[in-house]
N, C-alpha and C. Protein backbone atom coordinates (compact mmCIF):
# COMPACT_ATOMS: atom_id res chain seq x y z
N UNK A 1 -4.38 -1.20 -25.44
CA UNK A 1 -3.66 0.04 -25.25
C UNK A 1 -2.18 -0.27 -25.11
N UNK A 2 -1.35 0.43 -25.81
CA UNK A 2 0.09 0.23 -25.76
C UNK A 2 0.66 0.94 -24.55
N UNK A 3 1.50 0.25 -23.82
CA UNK A 3 2.14 0.83 -22.64
C UNK A 3 3.59 1.14 -22.98
N UNK A 4 4.11 2.30 -22.55
CA UNK A 4 5.51 2.62 -22.80
C UNK A 4 6.41 1.73 -21.96
N UNK A 5 7.65 1.49 -22.42
CA UNK A 5 8.56 0.66 -21.65
C UNK A 5 8.91 1.32 -20.33
N UNK A 6 9.18 0.47 -19.33
CA UNK A 6 9.51 0.99 -18.00
C UNK A 6 10.75 1.85 -18.02
N UNK A 7 11.62 1.62 -18.99
CA UNK A 7 12.87 2.37 -19.06
C UNK A 7 12.71 3.71 -19.77
N UNK A 8 11.47 4.10 -20.10
CA UNK A 8 11.26 5.37 -20.79
C UNK A 8 11.84 6.51 -19.97
N UNK A 9 12.27 7.53 -20.67
CA UNK A 9 12.90 8.67 -19.99
C UNK A 9 11.96 9.27 -18.97
N UNK A 10 12.48 9.59 -17.83
CA UNK A 10 11.68 10.18 -16.77
C UNK A 10 12.51 11.22 -16.04
N UNK A 11 11.85 12.16 -15.49
CA UNK A 11 12.54 13.14 -14.66
C UNK A 11 11.69 13.44 -13.44
N UNK A 12 12.33 13.77 -12.36
CA UNK A 12 11.64 14.04 -11.11
C UNK A 12 11.57 15.54 -10.95
N UNK A 13 10.38 16.06 -10.71
CA UNK A 13 10.17 17.50 -10.59
C UNK A 13 9.61 17.80 -9.22
N UNK A 14 10.26 18.64 -8.50
CA UNK A 14 9.74 19.12 -7.23
C UNK A 14 9.58 20.62 -7.37
N UNK A 15 8.37 21.11 -7.17
CA UNK A 15 8.11 22.53 -7.24
C UNK A 15 8.41 23.10 -5.86
N UNK A 16 9.25 24.12 -5.80
CA UNK A 16 9.68 24.65 -4.52
C UNK A 16 9.09 26.02 -4.25
N UNK A 17 8.75 26.24 -2.99
CA UNK A 17 8.34 27.56 -2.52
C UNK A 17 8.92 27.71 -1.12
N UNK A 18 9.73 28.70 -0.93
CA UNK A 18 10.40 28.93 0.34
C UNK A 18 11.13 27.66 0.80
N UNK A 19 11.74 26.95 -0.14
CA UNK A 19 12.54 25.74 0.11
C UNK A 19 11.74 24.54 0.58
N UNK A 20 10.42 24.63 0.65
CA UNK A 20 9.58 23.49 0.99
C UNK A 20 8.94 22.97 -0.28
N UNK A 21 8.99 21.64 -0.51
CA UNK A 21 8.32 21.12 -1.70
C UNK A 21 6.81 21.26 -1.59
N UNK A 22 6.18 21.74 -2.64
CA UNK A 22 4.73 21.87 -2.66
C UNK A 22 4.12 20.69 -3.39
N UNK A 23 4.67 20.37 -4.57
CA UNK A 23 4.14 19.28 -5.38
C UNK A 23 5.26 18.36 -5.81
N UNK A 24 4.93 17.09 -5.90
CA UNK A 24 5.84 16.08 -6.42
C UNK A 24 5.27 15.59 -7.74
N UNK A 25 6.14 15.43 -8.73
CA UNK A 25 5.67 14.94 -10.02
C UNK A 25 6.77 14.17 -10.71
N UNK A 26 6.43 13.04 -11.26
CA UNK A 26 7.32 12.24 -12.09
C UNK A 26 6.84 12.37 -13.53
N UNK A 27 7.68 12.88 -14.40
CA UNK A 27 7.30 13.06 -15.80
C UNK A 27 7.70 11.86 -16.65
N UNK A 28 6.83 11.53 -17.59
CA UNK A 28 7.11 10.51 -18.59
C UNK A 28 6.25 10.85 -19.79
N UNK A 29 6.84 11.51 -20.78
CA UNK A 29 6.10 11.99 -21.94
C UNK A 29 5.35 10.87 -22.66
N UNK A 30 5.95 9.70 -22.72
CA UNK A 30 5.32 8.57 -23.41
C UNK A 30 4.07 8.07 -22.70
N UNK A 31 3.91 8.38 -21.41
CA UNK A 31 2.76 7.89 -20.65
C UNK A 31 1.48 8.65 -20.94
N UNK A 32 1.59 9.84 -21.53
CA UNK A 32 0.39 10.63 -21.82
C UNK A 32 -0.35 11.01 -20.55
N UNK A 33 -1.66 11.03 -20.62
CA UNK A 33 -2.48 11.44 -19.47
C UNK A 33 -2.35 10.47 -18.29
N UNK A 34 -2.20 9.19 -18.56
CA UNK A 34 -2.00 8.17 -17.52
C UNK A 34 -3.16 8.12 -16.53
N UNK A 35 -4.38 8.16 -17.04
CA UNK A 35 -5.57 8.16 -16.19
C UNK A 35 -5.85 6.85 -15.49
N UNK A 36 -5.16 5.78 -15.90
CA UNK A 36 -5.32 4.49 -15.23
C UNK A 36 -4.20 4.22 -14.24
N UNK A 37 -3.26 5.16 -14.11
CA UNK A 37 -2.14 5.07 -13.17
C UNK A 37 -1.28 3.84 -13.42
N UNK A 38 -1.20 3.44 -14.69
CA UNK A 38 -0.44 2.24 -15.04
C UNK A 38 1.06 2.50 -15.16
N UNK A 39 1.44 3.71 -15.56
CA UNK A 39 2.86 4.03 -15.72
C UNK A 39 3.34 4.73 -14.46
N UNK A 40 4.34 4.13 -13.82
CA UNK A 40 4.83 4.61 -12.53
C UNK A 40 6.33 4.83 -12.61
N UNK A 41 6.79 5.89 -12.00
CA UNK A 41 8.22 6.20 -11.96
C UNK A 41 8.69 6.08 -10.51
N UNK A 42 9.84 5.43 -10.28
CA UNK A 42 10.33 5.28 -8.91
C UNK A 42 10.78 6.61 -8.30
N UNK A 43 10.63 6.70 -7.00
CA UNK A 43 11.09 7.86 -6.24
C UNK A 43 11.95 7.32 -5.10
N UNK A 44 13.22 7.66 -5.09
CA UNK A 44 14.12 7.14 -4.05
C UNK A 44 13.90 7.86 -2.72
N UNK A 45 13.92 7.09 -1.67
CA UNK A 45 13.86 7.65 -0.33
C UNK A 45 12.51 8.21 0.07
N UNK A 46 11.45 7.79 -0.59
CA UNK A 46 10.13 8.30 -0.23
C UNK A 46 9.27 7.15 0.28
N UNK A 47 9.24 6.98 1.60
CA UNK A 47 8.52 5.87 2.21
C UNK A 47 7.01 5.93 1.96
N UNK A 48 6.47 7.14 1.77
CA UNK A 48 5.02 7.29 1.61
C UNK A 48 4.53 6.85 0.24
N UNK A 49 5.44 6.57 -0.68
CA UNK A 49 5.06 6.08 -2.02
C UNK A 49 6.09 5.03 -2.44
N UNK A 50 6.13 3.88 -1.74
CA UNK A 50 7.19 2.90 -1.98
C UNK A 50 7.22 2.33 -3.39
N UNK A 51 6.09 2.34 -4.08
CA UNK A 51 6.05 1.81 -5.44
C UNK A 51 6.37 2.90 -6.47
N UNK A 52 6.53 4.14 -6.02
CA UNK A 52 6.79 5.25 -6.92
C UNK A 52 5.54 6.10 -7.12
N UNK A 53 5.66 7.08 -8.01
CA UNK A 53 4.54 7.97 -8.30
C UNK A 53 4.02 7.73 -9.71
N UNK A 54 2.70 7.69 -9.89
CA UNK A 54 2.15 7.60 -11.24
C UNK A 54 2.62 8.79 -12.07
N UNK A 55 3.10 8.50 -13.26
CA UNK A 55 3.68 9.52 -14.13
C UNK A 55 2.66 10.59 -14.51
N UNK A 56 3.15 11.81 -14.57
CA UNK A 56 2.45 12.99 -15.09
C UNK A 56 1.34 13.54 -14.19
N UNK A 57 1.24 13.08 -12.97
CA UNK A 57 0.31 13.63 -11.99
C UNK A 57 1.09 14.41 -10.96
N UNK A 58 0.54 15.53 -10.52
CA UNK A 58 1.11 16.29 -9.41
C UNK A 58 0.49 15.77 -8.12
N UNK A 59 1.32 15.55 -7.09
CA UNK A 59 0.85 15.11 -5.78
C UNK A 59 1.25 16.16 -4.76
N UNK A 60 0.33 16.52 -3.87
CA UNK A 60 0.66 17.46 -2.80
C UNK A 60 1.71 16.79 -1.92
N UNK A 61 2.85 17.44 -1.79
CA UNK A 61 4.02 16.83 -1.17
C UNK A 61 3.92 16.68 0.35
N UNK A 62 3.44 17.70 1.04
CA UNK A 62 3.53 17.76 2.50
C UNK A 62 2.95 16.52 3.20
N UNK A 63 1.71 16.10 2.91
CA UNK A 63 1.16 14.93 3.61
C UNK A 63 1.96 13.66 3.35
N UNK A 64 2.46 13.49 2.12
CA UNK A 64 3.23 12.29 1.78
C UNK A 64 4.59 12.30 2.46
N UNK A 65 5.27 13.43 2.45
CA UNK A 65 6.61 13.52 3.04
C UNK A 65 6.59 13.48 4.56
N UNK A 66 5.50 13.96 5.16
CA UNK A 66 5.40 13.98 6.63
C UNK A 66 4.74 12.73 7.20
N UNK A 67 4.32 11.80 6.33
CA UNK A 67 3.73 10.55 6.82
C UNK A 67 2.27 10.63 7.20
N UNK A 68 1.58 11.71 6.82
CA UNK A 68 0.15 11.81 7.09
C UNK A 68 -0.67 10.98 6.11
N UNK A 69 -0.03 10.59 5.00
CA UNK A 69 -0.72 9.80 3.99
C UNK A 69 0.28 8.89 3.28
N UNK A 70 -0.25 7.79 2.74
CA UNK A 70 0.57 6.85 2.00
C UNK A 70 -0.10 6.55 0.67
N UNK A 71 0.69 6.48 -0.37
CA UNK A 71 0.21 6.25 -1.72
C UNK A 71 0.68 4.86 -2.15
N UNK A 72 -0.22 4.08 -2.73
CA UNK A 72 0.17 2.78 -3.28
C UNK A 72 -0.65 2.51 -4.52
N UNK A 73 -0.25 1.47 -5.23
CA UNK A 73 -0.95 1.05 -6.44
C UNK A 73 -1.55 -0.31 -6.15
N UNK A 74 -2.86 -0.38 -6.14
CA UNK A 74 -3.60 -1.54 -5.65
C UNK A 74 -4.04 -2.42 -6.83
N UNK A 75 -3.55 -3.67 -6.87
CA UNK A 75 -3.94 -4.57 -7.97
C UNK A 75 -5.28 -5.27 -7.74
N UNK A 76 -5.92 -5.06 -6.60
CA UNK A 76 -7.15 -5.79 -6.25
C UNK A 76 -8.38 -5.20 -6.95
N UNK A 77 -8.77 -5.80 -8.05
CA UNK A 77 -10.03 -5.48 -8.72
C UNK A 77 -10.21 -4.08 -9.24
N UNK A 78 -9.22 -3.51 -9.93
CA UNK A 78 -9.44 -2.16 -10.48
C UNK A 78 -10.47 -2.20 -11.61
N UNK A 79 -11.21 -1.11 -11.80
CA UNK A 79 -12.21 -1.10 -12.88
C UNK A 79 -11.58 -1.03 -14.26
N UNK A 80 -10.32 -0.65 -14.35
CA UNK A 80 -9.62 -0.52 -15.64
C UNK A 80 -8.16 -0.83 -15.42
N UNK A 81 -7.55 -1.57 -16.33
CA UNK A 81 -6.12 -1.85 -16.25
C UNK A 81 -5.76 -2.82 -15.14
N UNK A 82 -4.49 -2.75 -14.73
CA UNK A 82 -3.99 -3.71 -13.76
C UNK A 82 -3.93 -3.23 -12.33
N UNK A 83 -4.22 -1.94 -12.10
CA UNK A 83 -4.15 -1.42 -10.73
C UNK A 83 -4.86 -0.08 -10.64
N UNK A 84 -5.14 0.32 -9.42
CA UNK A 84 -5.73 1.63 -9.18
C UNK A 84 -4.83 2.40 -8.21
N UNK A 85 -5.02 3.70 -8.14
CA UNK A 85 -4.31 4.52 -7.17
C UNK A 85 -5.03 4.42 -5.83
N UNK A 86 -4.28 4.19 -4.76
CA UNK A 86 -4.85 4.09 -3.41
C UNK A 86 -4.15 5.10 -2.51
N UNK A 87 -4.95 5.91 -1.81
CA UNK A 87 -4.45 6.88 -0.84
C UNK A 87 -4.98 6.52 0.54
N UNK A 88 -4.08 6.17 1.46
CA UNK A 88 -4.44 5.90 2.84
C UNK A 88 -4.06 7.13 3.65
N UNK A 89 -5.06 7.80 4.21
CA UNK A 89 -4.85 9.10 4.84
C UNK A 89 -5.15 9.02 6.33
N UNK A 90 -4.13 9.35 7.16
CA UNK A 90 -4.30 9.35 8.61
C UNK A 90 -4.71 10.72 9.15
N UNK A 91 -4.20 11.79 8.54
CA UNK A 91 -4.50 13.16 8.94
C UNK A 91 -5.01 13.91 7.72
N UNK A 92 -6.08 14.69 7.89
CA UNK A 92 -6.65 15.42 6.75
C UNK A 92 -7.14 16.79 7.19
N UNK A 93 -6.95 17.77 6.32
CA UNK A 93 -7.54 19.09 6.51
C UNK A 93 -8.90 19.10 5.84
N UNK A 94 -9.87 19.77 6.45
CA UNK A 94 -11.21 19.81 5.88
C UNK A 94 -11.32 20.79 4.72
N UNK A 95 -10.26 21.55 4.48
CA UNK A 95 -10.23 22.50 3.37
C UNK A 95 -9.13 22.07 2.40
N UNK A 96 -9.46 21.99 1.12
CA UNK A 96 -8.48 21.56 0.12
C UNK A 96 -7.36 22.59 0.01
N UNK A 97 -6.15 22.09 -0.22
CA UNK A 97 -4.99 22.95 -0.37
C UNK A 97 -3.73 22.13 -0.37
N UNK A 98 -2.58 22.78 -0.39
CA UNK A 98 -1.30 22.09 -0.49
C UNK A 98 -1.01 21.20 0.72
N UNK A 99 -1.65 21.45 1.87
CA UNK A 99 -1.45 20.62 3.06
C UNK A 99 -2.37 19.40 3.07
N UNK A 100 -3.28 19.34 2.12
CA UNK A 100 -4.24 18.25 2.02
C UNK A 100 -3.69 17.17 1.10
N UNK A 101 -3.93 15.91 1.45
CA UNK A 101 -3.53 14.83 0.55
C UNK A 101 -4.33 14.96 -0.74
N UNK A 102 -3.62 15.06 -1.85
CA UNK A 102 -4.32 15.22 -3.12
C UNK A 102 -3.42 15.10 -4.31
N UNK A 103 -4.05 15.11 -5.47
CA UNK A 103 -3.33 15.03 -6.74
C UNK A 103 -4.11 15.80 -7.78
N UNK A 104 -3.41 16.22 -8.83
CA UNK A 104 -4.10 16.90 -9.92
C UNK A 104 -3.29 16.79 -11.20
N UNK A 105 -3.99 17.09 -12.29
CA UNK A 105 -3.36 17.18 -13.60
C UNK A 105 -4.11 18.24 -14.41
N UNK A 106 -3.37 19.00 -15.19
CA UNK A 106 -3.95 20.03 -16.04
C UNK A 106 -3.67 19.64 -17.49
N UNK A 107 -4.73 19.59 -18.31
CA UNK A 107 -4.57 19.18 -19.71
C UNK A 107 -5.07 20.30 -20.63
N UNK A 108 -4.45 20.43 -21.81
CA UNK A 108 -4.91 21.44 -22.76
C UNK A 108 -6.34 21.16 -23.21
N UNK A 109 -7.10 22.22 -23.44
CA UNK A 109 -8.48 22.10 -23.90
C UNK A 109 -8.82 23.30 -24.77
N UNK A 110 -9.82 23.14 -25.60
CA UNK A 110 -10.24 24.20 -26.52
C UNK A 110 -11.22 25.15 -25.83
N UNK A 111 -10.96 26.45 -25.88
CA UNK A 111 -11.91 27.40 -25.30
C UNK A 111 -13.31 27.18 -25.90
N UNK A 112 -14.32 27.18 -25.06
CA UNK A 112 -15.72 26.96 -25.41
C UNK A 112 -16.02 25.52 -25.83
N UNK A 113 -15.03 24.64 -25.75
CA UNK A 113 -15.25 23.24 -26.07
C UNK A 113 -15.94 22.52 -24.91
N UNK A 114 -16.65 21.44 -25.23
CA UNK A 114 -17.30 20.62 -24.20
C UNK A 114 -16.56 19.30 -24.08
N UNK A 115 -16.36 18.86 -22.85
CA UNK A 115 -15.56 17.67 -22.55
C UNK A 115 -16.28 16.77 -21.57
N UNK A 116 -16.16 15.46 -21.80
CA UNK A 116 -16.65 14.48 -20.84
C UNK A 116 -15.49 14.17 -19.90
N UNK A 117 -15.73 14.39 -18.62
CA UNK A 117 -14.72 14.10 -17.59
C UNK A 117 -15.27 12.94 -16.76
N UNK A 118 -14.55 11.83 -16.77
CA UNK A 118 -15.02 10.65 -16.05
C UNK A 118 -13.95 10.09 -15.14
N UNK A 119 -14.38 9.39 -14.10
CA UNK A 119 -13.46 8.76 -13.16
C UNK A 119 -14.21 7.71 -12.37
N UNK A 120 -13.46 6.74 -11.85
CA UNK A 120 -14.03 5.72 -10.97
C UNK A 120 -13.45 5.93 -9.58
N UNK A 121 -14.31 5.79 -8.57
CA UNK A 121 -13.95 6.12 -7.20
C UNK A 121 -14.44 5.03 -6.26
N UNK A 122 -13.63 4.72 -5.26
CA UNK A 122 -14.00 3.79 -4.19
C UNK A 122 -13.53 4.42 -2.88
N UNK A 123 -14.36 4.34 -1.84
CA UNK A 123 -14.05 5.05 -0.59
C UNK A 123 -14.33 4.17 0.62
N UNK A 124 -13.42 4.25 1.61
CA UNK A 124 -13.64 3.63 2.92
C UNK A 124 -13.39 4.70 3.99
N UNK A 125 -14.43 5.11 4.68
CA UNK A 125 -14.39 6.09 5.77
C UNK A 125 -14.07 7.52 5.33
N UNK A 126 -13.31 7.72 4.31
CA UNK A 126 -12.82 9.04 3.91
C UNK A 126 -13.90 9.90 3.26
N UNK A 127 -13.53 11.14 3.04
CA UNK A 127 -14.33 12.08 2.24
C UNK A 127 -13.36 12.72 1.26
N UNK A 128 -13.74 12.71 -0.01
CA UNK A 128 -12.88 13.25 -1.07
C UNK A 128 -13.60 14.38 -1.79
N UNK A 129 -12.83 15.36 -2.19
CA UNK A 129 -13.35 16.50 -2.93
C UNK A 129 -12.79 16.43 -4.35
N UNK A 130 -13.67 16.39 -5.34
CA UNK A 130 -13.26 16.40 -6.74
C UNK A 130 -13.51 17.80 -7.30
N UNK A 131 -12.50 18.34 -7.97
CA UNK A 131 -12.59 19.67 -8.58
C UNK A 131 -12.31 19.53 -10.07
N UNK A 132 -13.20 20.07 -10.89
CA UNK A 132 -13.01 20.12 -12.34
C UNK A 132 -13.18 21.57 -12.74
N UNK A 133 -12.12 22.20 -13.23
CA UNK A 133 -12.17 23.62 -13.55
C UNK A 133 -11.12 23.98 -14.58
N UNK A 134 -11.10 25.24 -14.98
CA UNK A 134 -10.06 25.79 -15.85
C UNK A 134 -9.33 26.88 -15.09
N UNK A 135 -8.10 27.14 -15.51
CA UNK A 135 -7.31 28.17 -14.84
C UNK A 135 -6.31 28.78 -15.81
N UNK A 136 -5.84 29.96 -15.47
CA UNK A 136 -4.72 30.55 -16.20
C UNK A 136 -3.81 31.20 -15.18
N UNK A 137 -2.87 32.01 -15.61
CA UNK A 137 -1.88 32.57 -14.70
C UNK A 137 -2.49 33.46 -13.63
N UNK A 138 -3.62 34.08 -13.90
CA UNK A 138 -4.16 35.04 -12.94
C UNK A 138 -5.50 34.64 -12.28
N UNK A 139 -6.17 33.62 -12.79
CA UNK A 139 -7.46 33.27 -12.21
C UNK A 139 -7.84 31.82 -12.50
N UNK A 140 -8.81 31.34 -11.73
CA UNK A 140 -9.37 30.01 -11.94
C UNK A 140 -10.88 30.13 -11.98
N UNK A 141 -11.51 29.29 -12.76
CA UNK A 141 -12.97 29.30 -12.83
C UNK A 141 -13.54 28.57 -11.61
N UNK A 142 -14.81 28.80 -11.35
CA UNK A 142 -15.48 28.08 -10.26
C UNK A 142 -15.54 26.60 -10.60
N UNK A 143 -15.88 26.29 -11.86
CA UNK A 143 -15.93 24.91 -12.30
C UNK A 143 -16.92 24.07 -11.52
N UNK A 144 -16.61 22.80 -11.38
CA UNK A 144 -17.45 21.86 -10.66
C UNK A 144 -16.67 21.38 -9.44
N UNK A 145 -17.26 21.49 -8.27
CA UNK A 145 -16.66 21.03 -7.02
C UNK A 145 -17.69 20.16 -6.33
N UNK A 146 -17.31 18.91 -6.02
CA UNK A 146 -18.25 18.02 -5.37
C UNK A 146 -17.52 17.12 -4.38
N UNK A 147 -18.11 16.96 -3.21
CA UNK A 147 -17.57 16.06 -2.19
C UNK A 147 -18.19 14.68 -2.36
N UNK A 148 -17.37 13.66 -2.11
CA UNK A 148 -17.82 12.26 -2.22
C UNK A 148 -17.42 11.53 -0.95
N UNK A 149 -18.31 10.66 -0.46
CA UNK A 149 -17.98 9.76 0.63
C UNK A 149 -18.72 8.44 0.38
N UNK A 150 -18.78 7.59 1.40
CA UNK A 150 -19.43 6.28 1.21
C UNK A 150 -20.90 6.40 0.82
N UNK A 151 -21.52 7.50 1.18
CA UNK A 151 -22.92 7.72 0.79
C UNK A 151 -23.07 7.75 -0.73
N UNK A 152 -22.04 8.23 -1.43
CA UNK A 152 -22.07 8.34 -2.89
C UNK A 152 -21.57 7.08 -3.59
N UNK A 153 -20.65 6.36 -2.96
CA UNK A 153 -20.02 5.23 -3.64
C UNK A 153 -20.40 3.88 -3.05
N UNK A 154 -20.89 3.87 -1.81
CA UNK A 154 -20.99 2.62 -1.08
C UNK A 154 -19.64 2.37 -0.43
N UNK A 155 -19.60 1.46 0.53
CA UNK A 155 -18.33 1.17 1.22
C UNK A 155 -17.56 0.12 0.45
N UNK A 156 -16.33 0.46 0.11
CA UNK A 156 -15.44 -0.47 -0.59
C UNK A 156 -16.01 -0.98 -1.92
N UNK A 157 -16.80 -0.16 -2.60
CA UNK A 157 -17.31 -0.54 -3.91
C UNK A 157 -16.97 0.54 -4.93
N UNK A 158 -16.66 0.13 -6.13
CA UNK A 158 -16.33 1.08 -7.20
C UNK A 158 -17.61 1.69 -7.76
N UNK A 159 -17.54 2.98 -8.06
CA UNK A 159 -18.64 3.65 -8.75
C UNK A 159 -18.05 4.59 -9.78
N UNK A 160 -18.66 4.62 -10.94
CA UNK A 160 -18.21 5.47 -12.05
C UNK A 160 -19.01 6.77 -12.05
N UNK A 161 -18.30 7.90 -12.27
CA UNK A 161 -18.93 9.21 -12.35
C UNK A 161 -18.50 9.87 -13.65
N UNK A 162 -19.43 10.53 -14.33
CA UNK A 162 -19.11 11.26 -15.56
C UNK A 162 -19.86 12.58 -15.57
N UNK A 163 -19.17 13.62 -16.01
CA UNK A 163 -19.73 14.96 -16.07
C UNK A 163 -19.34 15.60 -17.39
N UNK A 164 -20.15 16.53 -17.85
CA UNK A 164 -19.80 17.33 -19.02
C UNK A 164 -19.33 18.68 -18.52
N UNK A 165 -18.16 19.08 -18.96
CA UNK A 165 -17.58 20.36 -18.55
C UNK A 165 -17.32 21.19 -19.80
N UNK A 166 -17.80 22.43 -19.81
CA UNK A 166 -17.57 23.35 -20.92
C UNK A 166 -16.49 24.35 -20.52
N UNK A 167 -15.45 24.44 -21.31
CA UNK A 167 -14.34 25.35 -21.03
C UNK A 167 -14.79 26.78 -21.30
N UNK A 168 -14.66 27.67 -20.33
CA UNK A 168 -15.08 29.06 -20.55
C UNK A 168 -14.19 29.77 -21.56
N UNK A 169 -14.74 30.81 -22.14
CA UNK A 169 -13.97 31.65 -23.05
C UNK A 169 -12.77 32.23 -22.30
N UNK A 170 -11.63 32.28 -22.97
CA UNK A 170 -10.43 32.83 -22.36
C UNK A 170 -9.60 31.81 -21.60
N UNK A 171 -10.02 30.55 -21.57
CA UNK A 171 -9.27 29.49 -20.89
C UNK A 171 -8.93 28.39 -21.88
N UNK A 172 -7.79 27.73 -21.67
CA UNK A 172 -7.33 26.72 -22.61
C UNK A 172 -6.88 25.45 -21.91
N UNK A 173 -7.56 25.10 -20.81
CA UNK A 173 -7.20 23.86 -20.13
C UNK A 173 -8.33 23.39 -19.22
N UNK A 174 -8.17 22.17 -18.76
CA UNK A 174 -9.05 21.60 -17.75
C UNK A 174 -8.16 21.02 -16.65
N UNK A 175 -8.48 21.36 -15.43
CA UNK A 175 -7.77 20.81 -14.27
C UNK A 175 -8.69 19.80 -13.60
N UNK A 176 -8.18 18.57 -13.40
CA UNK A 176 -8.87 17.55 -12.63
C UNK A 176 -8.09 17.38 -11.34
N UNK A 177 -8.78 17.50 -10.21
CA UNK A 177 -8.10 17.44 -8.91
C UNK A 177 -8.91 16.62 -7.92
N UNK A 178 -8.21 15.85 -7.10
CA UNK A 178 -8.82 15.12 -6.00
C UNK A 178 -8.10 15.50 -4.72
N UNK A 179 -8.85 15.85 -3.67
CA UNK A 179 -8.30 16.13 -2.35
C UNK A 179 -9.04 15.28 -1.34
N UNK A 180 -8.31 14.69 -0.39
CA UNK A 180 -8.94 13.90 0.67
C UNK A 180 -9.11 14.82 1.88
N UNK A 181 -10.35 15.10 2.25
CA UNK A 181 -10.62 16.08 3.30
C UNK A 181 -11.13 15.45 4.60
N UNK A 182 -11.19 14.12 4.67
CA UNK A 182 -11.46 13.40 5.91
C UNK A 182 -10.67 12.10 5.87
N UNK A 183 -9.99 11.71 6.96
CA UNK A 183 -9.15 10.51 6.94
C UNK A 183 -9.91 9.26 6.52
N UNK A 184 -9.17 8.33 5.95
CA UNK A 184 -9.71 7.07 5.47
C UNK A 184 -8.94 6.66 4.24
N UNK A 185 -9.56 5.85 3.40
CA UNK A 185 -8.91 5.35 2.19
C UNK A 185 -9.74 5.71 0.97
N UNK A 186 -9.05 6.21 -0.05
CA UNK A 186 -9.69 6.56 -1.31
C UNK A 186 -8.94 5.88 -2.44
N UNK A 187 -9.68 5.24 -3.32
CA UNK A 187 -9.11 4.66 -4.53
C UNK A 187 -9.63 5.46 -5.72
N UNK A 188 -8.77 5.69 -6.71
CA UNK A 188 -9.14 6.42 -7.92
C UNK A 188 -8.60 5.65 -9.12
N UNK A 189 -9.39 5.58 -10.18
CA UNK A 189 -8.95 4.88 -11.39
C UNK A 189 -9.73 5.39 -12.59
N UNK A 190 -9.20 5.05 -13.76
CA UNK A 190 -9.89 5.28 -15.03
C UNK A 190 -10.35 6.73 -15.19
N UNK A 191 -9.44 7.67 -14.91
CA UNK A 191 -9.74 9.08 -15.11
C UNK A 191 -9.57 9.40 -16.59
N UNK A 192 -10.55 10.05 -17.17
CA UNK A 192 -10.48 10.40 -18.58
C UNK A 192 -11.11 11.75 -18.88
N UNK A 193 -10.53 12.45 -19.83
CA UNK A 193 -11.06 13.73 -20.29
C UNK A 193 -11.06 13.68 -21.81
N UNK A 194 -12.25 13.77 -22.42
CA UNK A 194 -12.32 13.72 -23.89
C UNK A 194 -13.32 14.73 -24.40
N UNK A 195 -12.97 15.35 -25.51
CA UNK A 195 -13.86 16.35 -26.10
C UNK A 195 -15.06 15.64 -26.73
N UNK A 196 -16.22 16.27 -26.60
CA UNK A 196 -17.44 15.71 -27.17
C UNK A 196 -18.09 16.75 -28.08
N UNK A 197 -18.83 16.28 -29.06
CA UNK A 197 -19.55 17.17 -29.97
C UNK A 197 -20.76 17.73 -29.24
N UNK A 198 -21.05 19.01 -29.49
CA UNK A 198 -22.23 19.61 -28.85
C UNK A 198 -23.22 20.05 -29.91
């Protein structure tokens, strides 16, 4: 797989609501989906992500900026590439939302198309909620929502999960989201979304 140069153009995007950042995102068009978290853009003055943010992913800002969670890129035995995303969470809300440590990405998809959504997960003490759904300006589908903890992955061991998701009529995207809803450590790697023949 070809990796874009580190000097590729990047921009820092902070989505604002009432002057409080909701999401942090580093854009790098050359990085594409970046499901292996290999392309990272630096963020100045952000202690909670000292190595920077993986390009093209939205991160819930509040937990990272307030020190409730720390993001790093872990080179120790990733299932794909040279590193995985690691979230160390000290404080967690049991309900997913902007105050919860999490990340997401929305990708274009064909209405009524079927897609294989896969990811590798490793957990220590934490509980993570994975959401796979479609959305538009006025509504979101129920999609697939599943909680994961050590019971699903084992402690400190990688496990691969794959699901087939069919995009409902009237929707043109797939949202992949992870939220940490109980303190601990969560690793994520090798996230992929690909259309499959039905």
